[in-house]
Amino acid sequence: MLKKYATPMKLQLVGKAWEIRYSLRQEMKRWGGQSLLIERLPPASATSTASK
């Protein structure tokens, strides 16, 4: 069973590989088919936090 955790800053999919691939394909179709996943997620520097 696929579990999807989404926040404005993070997307996490937990499940079997075929479920994750299928879910990503469905999202790509929903977004227009030609966009990349990296375009839909925030920059990595925005999600990282420095703990010092």
PDB file of N, CA and C in Angstrom:
ATOM      1  N   MET A   1       0.840  -1.172   0.000  1.00  0.00           N
ATOM      2  CA  MET A   1       0.000   0.000   0.000  1.00  0.00           C
ATOM      3  C   MET A   1       0.885   1.235   0.000  1.00  0.00           C
ATOM      4  N   LEU A   2       0.649   2.112  -0.967  1.00  0.00           N
ATOM      5  CA  LEU A   2       1.423   3.334  -1.103  1.00  0.00           C
ATOM      6  C   LEU A   2       0.963   4.364  -0.084  1.00  0.00           C
ATOM      7  N   LYS A   3       1.937   4.990   0.555  1.00  0.00           N
ATOM      8  CA  LYS A   3       1.641   6.080   1.475  1.00  0.00           C
ATOM      9  C   LYS A   3       2.342   7.317   0.942  1.00  0.00           C
ATOM     10  N   LYS A   4       1.622   8.415   0.946  1.00  0.00           N
ATOM     11  CA  LYS A   4       2.147   9.655   0.393  1.00  0.00           C
ATOM     12  C   LYS A   4       2.076  10.741   1.446  1.00  0.00           C
ATOM     13  N   TYR A   5       3.233  11.309   1.749  1.00  0.00           N
ATOM     14  CA  TYR A   5       3.328  12.398   2.709  1.00  0.00           C
ATOM     15  C   TYR A   5       3.797  13.628   1.942  1.00  0.00           C
ATOM     16  N   ALA A   6       2.960  14.653   1.888  1.00  0.00           N
ATOM     17  CA  ALA A   6       3.301  15.844   1.124  1.00  0.00           C
ATOM     18  C   ALA A   6       3.119  17.085   1.976  1.00  0.00           C
ATOM     19  N   THR A   7       4.121  17.910   1.961  1.00  0.00           N
ATOM     20  CA  THR A   7       4.064  19.228   2.568  1.00  0.00           C
ATOM     21  C   THR A   7       4.529  20.206   1.491  1.00  0.00           C
ATOM     22  N   PRO A   8       4.383  21.497   1.714  1.00  0.00           N
ATOM     23  CA  PRO A   8       4.858  22.441   0.708  1.00  0.00           C
ATOM     24  C   PRO A   8       6.354  22.324   0.424  1.00  0.00           C
ATOM     25  N   MET A   9       7.099  21.790   1.372  1.00  0.00           N
ATOM     26  CA  MET A   9       8.546  21.716   1.212  1.00  0.00           C
ATOM     27  C   MET A   9       9.070  20.310   0.935  1.00  0.00           C
ATOM     28  N   LYS A  10       8.221  19.287   0.991  1.00  0.00           N
ATOM     29  CA  LYS A  10       8.729  17.923   0.910  1.00  0.00           C
ATOM     30  C   LYS A  10       7.671  16.982   0.342  1.00  0.00           C
ATOM     31  N   LEU A  11       8.119  16.020  -0.427  1.00  0.00           N
ATOM     32  CA  LEU A  11       7.262  14.961  -0.924  1.00  0.00           C
ATOM     33  C   LEU A  11       7.929  13.635  -0.583  1.00  0.00           C
ATOM     34  N   GLN A  12       7.208  12.767   0.099  1.00  0.00           N
ATOM     35  CA  GLN A  12       7.754  11.475   0.478  1.00  0.00           C
ATOM     36  C   GLN A  12       6.750  10.399   0.110  1.00  0.00           C
ATOM     37  N   LEU A  13       7.198   9.427  -0.693  1.00  0.00           N
ATOM     38  CA  LEU A  13       6.374   8.295  -1.085  1.00  0.00           C
ATOM     39  C   LEU A  13       6.955   7.041  -0.465  1.00  0.00           C
ATOM     40  N   VAL A  14       6.118   6.256   0.177  1.00  0.00           N
ATOM     41  CA  VAL A  14       6.555   5.025   0.823  1.00  0.00           C
ATOM     42  C   VAL A  14       5.707   3.886   0.275  1.00  0.00           C
ATOM     43  N   GLY A  15       6.366   2.896  -0.280  1.00  0.00           N
ATOM     44  CA  GLY A  15       5.641   1.760  -0.825  1.00  0.00           C
ATOM     45  C   GLY A  15       6.559   0.940  -1.710  1.00  0.00           C
ATOM     46  N   LYS A  16       5.956   0.078  -2.485  1.00  0.00           N
ATOM     47  CA  LYS A  16       6.716  -0.743  -3.417  1.00  0.00           C
ATOM     48  C   LYS A  16       7.121   0.102  -4.615  1.00  0.00           C
ATOM     49  N   ALA A  17       8.219  -0.285  -5.259  1.00  0.00           N
ATOM     50  CA  ALA A  17       8.761   0.497  -6.371  1.00  0.00           C
ATOM     51  C   ALA A  17       7.728   0.713  -7.469  1.00  0.00           C
ATOM     52  N   TRP A  18       6.967  -0.311  -7.823  1.00  0.00           N
ATOM     53  CA  TRP A  18       6.000  -0.155  -8.915  1.00  0.00           C
ATOM     54  C   TRP A  18       4.886   0.809  -8.526  1.00  0.00           C
ATOM     55  N   GLU A  19       4.533   0.861  -7.235  1.00  0.00           N
ATOM     56  CA  GLU A  19       3.497   1.794  -6.777  1.00  0.00           C
ATOM     57  C   GLU A  19       3.993   3.237  -6.861  1.00  0.00           C
ATOM     58  N   ILE A  20       5.250   3.426  -6.495  1.00  0.00           N
ATOM     59  CA  ILE A  20       5.834   4.761  -6.540  1.00  0.00           C
ATOM     60  C   ILE A  20       5.960   5.234  -7.982  1.00  0.00           C
ATOM     61  N   ARG A  21       6.430   4.366  -8.885  1.00  0.00           N
ATOM     62  CA  ARG A  21       6.529   4.726 -10.300  1.00  0.00           C
ATOM     63  C   ARG A  21       5.164   5.082 -10.871  1.00  0.00           C
ATOM     64  N   TYR A  22       4.160   4.281 -10.558  1.00  0.00           N
ATOM     65  CA  TYR A  22       2.806   4.529 -11.045  1.00  0.00           C
ATOM     66  C   TYR A  22       2.280   5.867 -10.531  1.00  0.00           C
ATOM     67  N   SER A  23       2.488   6.137  -9.244  1.00  0.00           N
ATOM     68  CA  SER A  23       2.025   7.382  -8.654  1.00  0.00           C
ATOM     69  C   SER A  23       2.727   8.580  -9.284  1.00  0.00           C
ATOM     70  N   LEU A  24       4.026   8.475  -9.516  1.00  0.00           N
ATOM     71  CA  LEU A  24       4.763   9.570 -10.140  1.00  0.00           C
ATOM     72  C   LEU A  24       4.281   9.810 -11.562  1.00  0.00           C
ATOM     73  N   ARG A  25       3.995   8.743 -12.297  1.00  0.00           N
ATOM     74  CA  ARG A  25       3.460   8.905 -13.657  1.00  0.00           C
ATOM     75  C   ARG A  25       2.110   9.613 -13.632  1.00  0.00           C
ATOM     76  N   GLN A  26       1.271   9.258 -12.667  1.00  0.00           N
ATOM     77  CA  GLN A  26      -0.032   9.908 -12.557  1.00  0.00           C
ATOM     78  C   GLN A  26       0.124  11.395 -12.232  1.00  0.00           C
ATOM     79  N   GLU A  27       1.053  11.722 -11.350  1.00  0.00           N
ATOM     80  CA  GLU A  27       1.300  13.126 -11.016  1.00  0.00           C
ATOM     81  C   GLU A  27       1.819  13.880 -12.230  1.00  0.00           C
ATOM     82  N   MET A  28       2.697  13.268 -13.003  1.00  0.00           N
ATOM     83  CA  MET A  28       3.234  13.911 -14.204  1.00  0.00           C
ATOM     84  C   MET A  28       2.110  14.220 -15.182  1.00  0.00           C
ATOM     85  N   LYS A  29       1.176  13.304 -15.360  1.00  0.00           N
ATOM     86  CA  LYS A  29       0.036  13.546 -16.246  1.00  0.00           C
ATOM     87  C   LYS A  29      -0.810  14.701 -15.717  1.00  0.00           C
ATOM     88  N   ARG A  30      -0.996  14.731 -14.420  1.00  0.00           N
ATOM     89  CA  ARG A  30      -1.794  15.781 -13.807  1.00  0.00           C
ATOM     90  C   ARG A  30      -1.140  17.143 -13.976  1.00  0.00           C
ATOM     91  N   TRP A  31       0.199  17.189 -13.939  1.00  0.00           N
ATOM     92  CA  TRP A  31       0.940  18.435 -14.062  1.00  0.00           C
ATOM     93  C   TRP A  31       1.136  18.871 -15.506  1.00  0.00           C
ATOM     94  N   GLY A  32       0.741  18.045 -16.457  1.00  0.00           N
ATOM     95  CA  GLY A  32       0.857  18.449 -17.850  1.00  0.00           C
ATOM     96  C   GLY A  32       1.723  17.530 -18.682  1.00  0.00           C
ATOM     97  N   GLY A  33       2.340  16.548 -18.100  1.00  0.00           N
ATOM     98  CA  GLY A  33       3.069  15.544 -18.855  1.00  0.00           C
ATOM     99  C   GLY A  33       4.502  15.879 -19.209  1.00  0.00           C
ATOM    100  N   GLN A  34       4.823  17.136 -19.439  1.00  0.00           N
ATOM    101  CA  GLN A  34       6.178  17.488 -19.863  1.00  0.00           C
ATOM    102  C   GLN A  34       7.024  18.082 -18.747  1.00  0.00           C
ATOM    103  N   SER A  35       6.425  18.392 -17.612  1.00  0.00           N
ATOM    104  CA  SER A  35       7.189  18.976 -16.512  1.00  0.00           C
ATOM    105  C   SER A  35       7.996  17.900 -15.792  1.00  0.00           C
ATOM    106  N   LEU A  36       9.047  18.326 -15.153  1.00  0.00           N
ATOM    107  CA  LEU A  36       9.898  17.423 -14.384  1.00  0.00           C
ATOM    108  C   LEU A  36       9.536  17.521 -12.908  1.00  0.00           C
ATOM    109  N   LEU A  37       9.757  16.449 -12.187  1.00  0.00           N
ATOM    110  CA  LEU A  37       9.471  16.438 -10.753  1.00  0.00           C
ATOM    111  C   LEU A  37      10.289  17.504 -10.038  1.00  0.00           C
ATOM    112  N   ILE A  38      11.514  17.691 -10.449  1.00  0.00           N
ATOM    113  CA  ILE A  38      12.392  18.673  -9.806  1.00  0.00           C
ATOM    114  C   ILE A  38      11.821  20.086  -9.935  1.00  0.00           C
ATOM    115  N   GLU A  39      11.043  20.337 -11.002  1.00  0.00           N
ATOM    116  CA  GLU A  39      10.435  21.652 -11.178  1.00  0.00           C
ATOM    117  C   GLU A  39       9.285  21.869 -10.191  1.00  0.00           C
ATOM    118  N   ARG A  40       8.699  20.800  -9.698  1.00  0.00           N
ATOM    119  CA  ARG A  40       7.549  20.898  -8.806  1.00  0.00           C
ATOM    120  C   ARG A  40       7.919  20.953  -7.334  1.00  0.00           C
ATOM    121  N   LEU A  41       9.165  20.627  -7.012  1.00  0.00           N
ATOM    122  CA  LEU A  41       9.616  20.639  -5.621  1.00  0.00           C
ATOM    123  C   LEU A  41      10.433  21.898  -5.358  1.00  0.00           C
ATOM    124  N   PRO A  42      10.460  22.372  -4.126  1.00  0.00           N
ATOM    125  CA  PRO A  42      11.258  23.564  -3.806  1.00  0.00           C
ATOM    126  C   PRO A  42      12.755  23.244  -3.898  1.00  0.00           C
ATOM    127  N   PRO A  43      13.594  24.244  -4.041  1.00  0.00           N
ATOM    128  CA  PRO A  43      15.047  24.022  -4.082  1.00  0.00           C
ATOM    129  C   PRO A  43      15.549  23.334  -2.816  1.00  0.00           C
ATOM    130  N   ALA A  44      16.592  22.544  -2.952  1.00  0.00           N
ATOM    131  CA  ALA A  44      17.128  21.793  -1.817  1.00  0.00           C
ATOM    132  C   ALA A  44      17.604  22.719  -0.705  1.00  0.00           C
ATOM    133  N   SER A  45      18.127  23.879  -1.057  1.00  0.00           N
ATOM    134  CA  SER A  45      18.618  24.799  -0.032  1.00  0.00           C
ATOM    135  C   SER A  45      17.484  25.324   0.841  1.00  0.00           C
ATOM    136  N   ALA A  46      16.266  25.352   0.304  1.00  0.00           N
ATOM    137  CA  ALA A  46      15.120  25.820   1.080  1.00  0.00           C
ATOM    138  C   ALA A  46      14.660  24.768   2.095  1.00  0.00           C
ATOM    139  N   THR A  47      14.956  23.500   1.810  1.00  0.00           N
ATOM    140  CA  THR A  47      14.500  22.444   2.709  1.00  0.00           C
ATOM    141  C   THR A  47      15.532  22.057   3.751  1.00  0.00           C
ATOM    142  N   SER A  48      16.790  22.401   3.537  1.00  0.00           N
ATOM    143  CA  SER A  48      17.820  22.009   4.497  1.00  0.00           C
ATOM    144  C   SER A  48      17.877  23.018   5.637  1.00  0.00           C
ATOM    145  N   THR A  49      18.159  22.503   6.806  1.00  0.00           N
ATOM    146  CA  THR A  49      18.294  23.377   7.972  1.00  0.00           C
ATOM    147  C   THR A  49      19.644  23.120   8.616  1.00  0.00           C
ATOM    148  N   ALA A  50      20.265  24.162   9.041  1.00  0.00           N
ATOM    149  CA  ALA A  50      21.556  24.038   9.710  1.00  0.00           C
ATOM    150  C   ALA A  50      21.321  23.970  11.208  1.00  0.00           C
ATOM    151  N   SER A  51      21.844  22.939  11.833  1.00  0.00           N
ATOM    152  CA  SER A  51      21.673  22.806  13.280  1.00  0.00           C
ATOM    153  C   SER A  51      23.037  22.862  13.948  1.00  0.00           C
ATOM    154  N   LYS A  52      23.412  24.040  14.367  1.00  0.00           N
ATOM    155  CA  LYS A  52      24.680  24.225  15.061  1.00  0.00           C
ATOM    156  C   LYS A  52      24.478  25.034  16.291  1.00  0.00           C
TER     157      LYS A  52
END
